[in-house]
Amino acid sequence: MAIQFICRCVVVTAISLLLGGCGTKDKLVPKGLPGLPNPKQKFSVQVNVSDGANDNSPIPVDFVVVVDKKLQAEVAKLAAKDWFERRIQIVRDFPGKVEVVSWEWVPGQHAGPISVAVNPRARLGYFFANYLNGGDHRAVVDLKSAVLLNLGPQDFAVQPLK
């Protein structure tokens, strides 16, 4: 009987310590200290795809966030075709300096709002849409404002959400 009582006490104490520790981490560790991971900020996007867009084919879309200024200048010049051909190597060459979120949207689809966690040091993001026709199919966005991504028949547009 005494052993069962001791076992129960140990189990209750262990559970209390585990549960008690779960909610205190954020209170004890200030956010944004040097050497500690930065908390992510949220970027919000809604997506509308026109009926029959991209010759009635799915549209691969990448949302790219870059924190390296040199790389940002390079990415800002890429057309969508070039981005999709080089993205794997860019991510490999710049670990931790580029974040990519990939989707594939179909004609007539509507989605959102979609919340994307982004590095708080980044100020700009890029959308690349891999349409079948030629063109840059690239847009730059301010990460502090939610946007609407309109994927049209042959190209896309981004507008701020209010």
C-alpha atoms as a PDB file:
ATOM      1  CA  MET A   1       0.000   0.000   0.000  1.00  0.00           C
ATOM      2  CA  ALA A   2       2.830   2.392   0.891  1.00  0.00           C
ATOM      3  CA  ILE A   3       4.630   1.615  -2.394  1.00  0.00           C
ATOM      4  CA  GLN A   4       1.493   2.444  -4.418  1.00  0.00           C
ATOM      5  CA  PHE A   5       1.169   5.733  -2.534  1.00  0.00           C
ATOM      6  CA  ILE A   6       4.811   6.633  -3.240  1.00  0.00           C
ATOM      7  CA  CYS A   7       4.445   5.676  -6.936  1.00  0.00           C
ATOM      8  CA  ARG A   8       1.339   7.837  -7.249  1.00  0.00           C
ATOM      9  CA  CYS A   9       3.153  10.772  -5.619  1.00  0.00           C
ATOM     10  CA  VAL A  10       6.093  10.397  -7.996  1.00  0.00           C
ATOM     11  CA  VAL A  11       3.801  10.231 -11.046  1.00  0.00           C
ATOM     12  CA  VAL A  12       1.729  13.236  -9.905  1.00  0.00           C
ATOM     13  CA  THR A  13       4.896  15.256  -9.186  1.00  0.00           C
ATOM     14  CA  ALA A  14       6.422  14.360 -12.569  1.00  0.00           C
ATOM     15  CA  ILE A  15       3.236  15.312 -14.437  1.00  0.00           C
ATOM     16  CA  SER A  16       2.997  18.580 -12.496  1.00  0.00           C
ATOM     17  CA  LEU A  17       6.580  19.473 -13.371  1.00  0.00           C
ATOM     18  CA  LEU A  18       6.077  18.637 -17.033  1.00  0.00           C
ATOM     19  CA  LEU A  19       2.829  20.544 -17.361  1.00  0.00           C
ATOM     20  CA  GLY A  20       4.062  23.436 -15.299  1.00  0.00           C
ATOM     21  CA  GLY A  21       7.125  23.835 -17.504  1.00  0.00           C
ATOM     22  CA  CYS A  22       5.168  23.942 -20.763  1.00  0.00           C
ATOM     23  CA  GLY A  23       3.685  27.388 -20.266  1.00  0.00           C
ATOM     24  CA  THR A  24       6.712  29.113 -18.775  1.00  0.00           C
ATOM     25  CA  LYS A  25       9.295  28.904 -21.558  1.00  0.00           C
ATOM     26  CA  ASP A  26       8.051  31.971 -23.401  1.00  0.00           C
ATOM     27  CA  LYS A  27       7.817  33.955 -20.171  1.00  0.00           C
ATOM     28  CA  LEU A  28      11.347  33.114 -19.055  1.00  0.00           C
ATOM     29  CA  VAL A  29      13.157  33.540 -22.378  1.00  0.00           C
ATOM     30  CA  PRO A  30      12.870  37.039 -23.852  1.00  0.00           C
ATOM     31  CA  LYS A  31      12.316  37.034 -27.594  1.00  0.00           C
ATOM     32  CA  GLY A  32      14.861  38.375 -30.034  1.00  0.00           C
ATOM     33  CA  LEU A  33      18.016  38.047 -27.920  1.00  0.00           C
ATOM     34  CA  PRO A  34      21.281  37.599 -29.830  1.00  0.00           C
ATOM     35  CA  GLY A  35      22.183  33.950 -30.254  1.00  0.00           C
ATOM     36  CA  LEU A  36      18.595  32.769 -29.809  1.00  0.00           C
ATOM     37  CA  PRO A  37      16.262  31.939 -32.689  1.00  0.00           C
ATOM     38  CA  ASN A  38      14.093  34.863 -33.757  1.00  0.00           C
ATOM     39  CA  PRO A  39      10.358  34.403 -33.479  1.00  0.00           C
ATOM     40  CA  LYS A  40       8.657  34.280 -36.864  1.00  0.00           C
ATOM     41  CA  GLN A  41       6.362  37.029 -38.064  1.00  0.00           C
ATOM     42  CA  LYS A  42       3.243  36.161 -40.039  1.00  0.00           C
ATOM     43  CA  PHE A  43       2.483  37.104 -43.618  1.00  0.00           C
ATOM     44  CA  SER A  44      -1.037  36.608 -44.946  1.00  0.00           C
ATOM     45  CA  VAL A  45      -2.114  35.889 -48.516  1.00  0.00           C
ATOM     46  CA  GLN A  46      -5.409  35.113 -50.198  1.00  0.00           C
ATOM     47  CA  VAL A  47      -5.451  33.449 -53.613  1.00  0.00           C
ATOM     48  CA  ASN A  48      -7.918  33.651 -56.479  1.00  0.00           C
ATOM     49  CA  VAL A  49      -7.327  31.708 -59.697  1.00  0.00           C
ATOM     50  CA  SER A  50      -9.276  32.602 -62.828  1.00  0.00           C
ATOM     51  CA  ASP A  51     -11.298  29.933 -64.561  1.00  0.00           C
ATOM     52  CA  GLY A  52      -9.232  28.567 -67.443  1.00  0.00           C
ATOM     53  CA  ALA A  53      -6.014  30.165 -66.132  1.00  0.00           C
ATOM     54  CA  ASN A  54      -2.700  28.983 -67.593  1.00  0.00           C
ATOM     55  CA  ASP A  55      -4.423  27.246 -70.498  1.00  0.00           C
ATOM     56  CA  ASN A  56      -6.570  25.408 -67.962  1.00  0.00           C
ATOM     57  CA  SER A  57      -3.493  23.901 -66.276  1.00  0.00           C
ATOM     58  CA  PRO A  58      -2.234  24.018 -62.673  1.00  0.00           C
ATOM     59  CA  ILE A  59       0.042  26.951 -61.812  1.00  0.00           C
ATOM     60  CA  PRO A  60       3.067  26.273 -59.587  1.00  0.00           C
ATOM     61  CA  VAL A  61       3.657  29.295 -57.318  1.00  0.00           C
ATOM     62  CA  ASP A  62       6.607  29.921 -55.015  1.00  0.00           C
ATOM     63  CA  PHE A  63       6.637  32.505 -52.243  1.00  0.00           C
ATOM     64  CA  VAL A  64      10.267  33.406 -51.553  1.00  0.00           C
ATOM     65  CA  VAL A  65      11.677  35.337 -48.596  1.00  0.00           C
ATOM     66  CA  VAL A  66      15.354  36.341 -48.664  1.00  0.00           C
ATOM     67  CA  VAL A  67      17.299  37.838 -45.746  1.00  0.00           C
ATOM     68  CA  ASP A  68      20.643  38.249 -47.557  1.00  0.00           C
ATOM     69  CA  LYS A  69      20.890  41.591 -49.435  1.00  0.00           C
ATOM     70  CA  LYS A  70      23.218  40.272 -52.134  1.00  0.00           C
ATOM     71  CA  LEU A  71      20.954  37.295 -52.808  1.00  0.00           C
ATOM     72  CA  GLN A  72      17.867  39.519 -52.676  1.00  0.00           C
ATOM     73  CA  ALA A  73      19.266  41.619 -55.536  1.00  0.00           C
ATOM     74  CA  GLU A  74      19.880  38.449 -57.555  1.00  0.00           C
ATOM     75  CA  VAL A  75      16.425  36.984 -56.890  1.00  0.00           C
ATOM     76  CA  ALA A  76      14.775  40.304 -57.780  1.00  0.00           C
ATOM     77  CA  LYS A  77      16.120  39.971 -61.343  1.00  0.00           C
ATOM     78  CA  LEU A  78      14.966  36.399 -61.992  1.00  0.00           C
ATOM     79  CA  ALA A  79      12.059  35.539 -64.248  1.00  0.00           C
ATOM     80  CA  ALA A  80       9.818  32.754 -62.971  1.00  0.00           C
ATOM     81  CA  LYS A  81      11.266  30.210 -65.416  1.00  0.00           C
ATOM     82  CA  ASP A  82      14.783  30.943 -64.144  1.00  0.00           C
ATOM     83  CA  TRP A  83      13.677  30.843 -60.510  1.00  0.00           C
ATOM     84  CA  PHE A  84      12.059  27.420 -60.885  1.00  0.00           C
ATOM     85  CA  GLU A  85      15.144  26.067 -62.684  1.00  0.00           C
ATOM     86  CA  ARG A  86      17.603  27.405 -60.074  1.00  0.00           C
ATOM     87  CA  ARG A  87      15.668  27.374 -56.772  1.00  0.00           C
ATOM     88  CA  ILE A  88      17.020  24.091 -55.404  1.00  0.00           C
ATOM     89  CA  GLN A  89      20.613  25.205 -55.940  1.00  0.00           C
ATOM     90  CA  ILE A  90      19.920  28.676 -54.506  1.00  0.00           C
ATOM     91  CA  VAL A  91      18.481  27.155 -51.331  1.00  0.00           C
ATOM     92  CA  ARG A  92      21.517  24.844 -51.071  1.00  0.00           C
ATOM     93  CA  ASP A  93      23.999  27.678 -51.668  1.00  0.00           C
ATOM     94  CA  PHE A  94      22.385  30.052 -49.138  1.00  0.00           C
ATOM     95  CA  PRO A  95      21.262  27.930 -46.159  1.00  0.00           C
ATOM     96  CA  GLY A  96      19.210  29.906 -43.668  1.00  0.00           C
ATOM     97  CA  LYS A  97      19.113  32.968 -45.920  1.00  0.00           C
ATOM     98  CA  VAL A  98      16.222  32.025 -48.165  1.00  0.00           C
ATOM     99  CA  GLU A  99      12.828  30.523 -47.319  1.00  0.00           C
ATOM    100  CA  VAL A 100      10.520  29.068 -49.954  1.00  0.00           C
ATOM    101  CA  VAL A 101       6.864  28.095 -49.688  1.00  0.00           C
ATOM    102  CA  SER A 102       5.522  26.262 -52.736  1.00  0.00           C
ATOM    103  CA  TRP A 103       1.948  25.735 -53.861  1.00  0.00           C
ATOM    104  CA  GLU A 104       0.210  24.563 -56.990  1.00  0.00           C
ATOM    105  CA  TRP A 105      -3.107  26.227 -57.770  1.00  0.00           C
ATOM    106  CA  VAL A 106      -5.726  25.024 -60.240  1.00  0.00           C
ATOM    107  CA  PRO A 107      -8.016  27.159 -62.391  1.00  0.00           C
ATOM    108  CA  GLY A 108     -11.098  28.328 -60.499  1.00  0.00           C
ATOM    109  CA  GLN A 109      -9.544  27.726 -57.065  1.00  0.00           C
ATOM    110  CA  HIS A 110      -9.854  30.226 -54.199  1.00  0.00           C
ATOM    111  CA  ALA A 111      -7.923  29.939 -50.936  1.00  0.00           C
ATOM    112  CA  GLY A 112      -7.093  31.907 -47.847  1.00  0.00           C
ATOM    113  CA  PRO A 113      -6.301  33.641 -45.877  1.00  0.00           C
ATOM    114  CA  ILE A 114      -3.094  31.620 -45.680  1.00  0.00           C
ATOM    115  CA  SER A 115      -0.687  32.540 -42.909  1.00  0.00           C
ATOM    116  CA  VAL A 116       3.005  32.067 -43.679  1.00  0.00           C
ATOM    117  CA  ALA A 117       5.693  32.335 -40.987  1.00  0.00           C
ATOM    118  CA  VAL A 118       8.585  34.491 -42.221  1.00  0.00           C
ATOM    119  CA  ASN A 119      11.893  35.624 -40.794  1.00  0.00           C
ATOM    120  CA  PRO A 120      11.353  38.972 -38.999  1.00  0.00           C
ATOM    121  CA  ARG A 121      14.609  40.333 -40.486  1.00  0.00           C
ATOM    122  CA  ALA A 122      13.114  40.109 -43.987  1.00  0.00           C
ATOM    123  CA  ARG A 123      11.203  43.077 -45.360  1.00  0.00           C
ATOM    124  CA  LEU A 124      10.271  41.862 -48.835  1.00  0.00           C
ATOM    125  CA  GLY A 125       8.970  38.676 -50.380  1.00  0.00           C
ATOM    126  CA  TYR A 126       8.650  37.509 -53.976  1.00  0.00           C
ATOM    127  CA  PHE A 127       5.959  35.549 -55.751  1.00  0.00           C
ATOM    128  CA  PHE A 128       6.962  33.509 -58.785  1.00  0.00           C
ATOM    129  CA  ALA A 129       4.243  31.864 -60.900  1.00  0.00           C
ATOM    130  CA  ASN A 130       5.327  29.217 -63.400  1.00  0.00           C
ATOM    131  CA  TYR A 131       2.911  29.916 -66.246  1.00  0.00           C
ATOM    132  CA  LEU A 132       3.212  27.955 -69.492  1.00  0.00           C
ATOM    133  CA  ASN A 133       3.703  31.146 -71.528  1.00  0.00           C
ATOM    134  CA  GLY A 134       6.822  33.320 -71.432  1.00  0.00           C
ATOM    135  CA  GLY A 135       7.202  36.318 -69.152  1.00  0.00           C
ATOM    136  CA  ASP A 136       8.715  37.391 -65.846  1.00  0.00           C
ATOM    137  CA  HIS A 137       5.724  36.265 -63.751  1.00  0.00           C
ATOM    138  CA  ARG A 138       7.364  37.760 -60.644  1.00  0.00           C
ATOM    139  CA  ALA A 139       6.065  40.228 -58.062  1.00  0.00           C
ATOM    140  CA  VAL A 140       7.632  41.768 -54.979  1.00  0.00           C
ATOM    141  CA  VAL A 141       5.549  42.292 -51.820  1.00  0.00           C
ATOM    142  CA  ASP A 142       5.951  44.082 -48.510  1.00  0.00           C
ATOM    143  CA  LEU A 143       5.833  41.441 -45.765  1.00  0.00           C
ATOM    144  CA  LYS A 144       4.057  43.785 -43.356  1.00  0.00           C
ATOM    145  CA  SER A 145       0.869  43.887 -45.434  1.00  0.00           C
ATOM    146  CA  ALA A 146      -1.562  41.090 -46.296  1.00  0.00           C
ATOM    147  CA  VAL A 147      -2.065  40.586 -50.028  1.00  0.00           C
ATOM    148  CA  LEU A 148      -4.459  39.139 -52.567  1.00  0.00           C
ATOM    149  CA  LEU A 149      -2.781  37.046 -55.269  1.00  0.00           C
ATOM    150  CA  ASN A 150      -4.882  37.029 -58.447  1.00  0.00           C
ATOM    151  CA  LEU A 151      -3.713  34.360 -60.867  1.00  0.00           C
ATOM    152  CA  GLY A 152      -5.177  35.399 -64.203  1.00  0.00           C
ATOM    153  CA  PRO A 153      -5.392  33.648 -67.555  1.00  0.00           C
ATOM    154  CA  GLN A 154      -1.835  34.521 -68.725  1.00  0.00           C
ATOM    155  CA  ASP A 155      -0.210  36.412 -65.801  1.00  0.00           C
ATOM    156  CA  PHE A 156      -0.841  37.365 -62.195  1.00  0.00           C
ATOM    157  CA  ALA A 157      -1.239  40.473 -60.061  1.00  0.00           C
ATOM    158  CA  VAL A 158      -0.800  41.175 -56.370  1.00  0.00           C
ATOM    159  CA  GLN A 159      -2.772  43.777 -54.483  1.00  0.00           C
ATOM    160  CA  PRO A 160      -2.781  44.780 -50.828  1.00  0.00           C
ATOM    161  CA  LEU A 161      -5.677  43.621 -48.667  1.00  0.00           C
ATOM    162  CA  LYS A 162      -7.288  46.167 -46.427  1.00  0.00           C
END
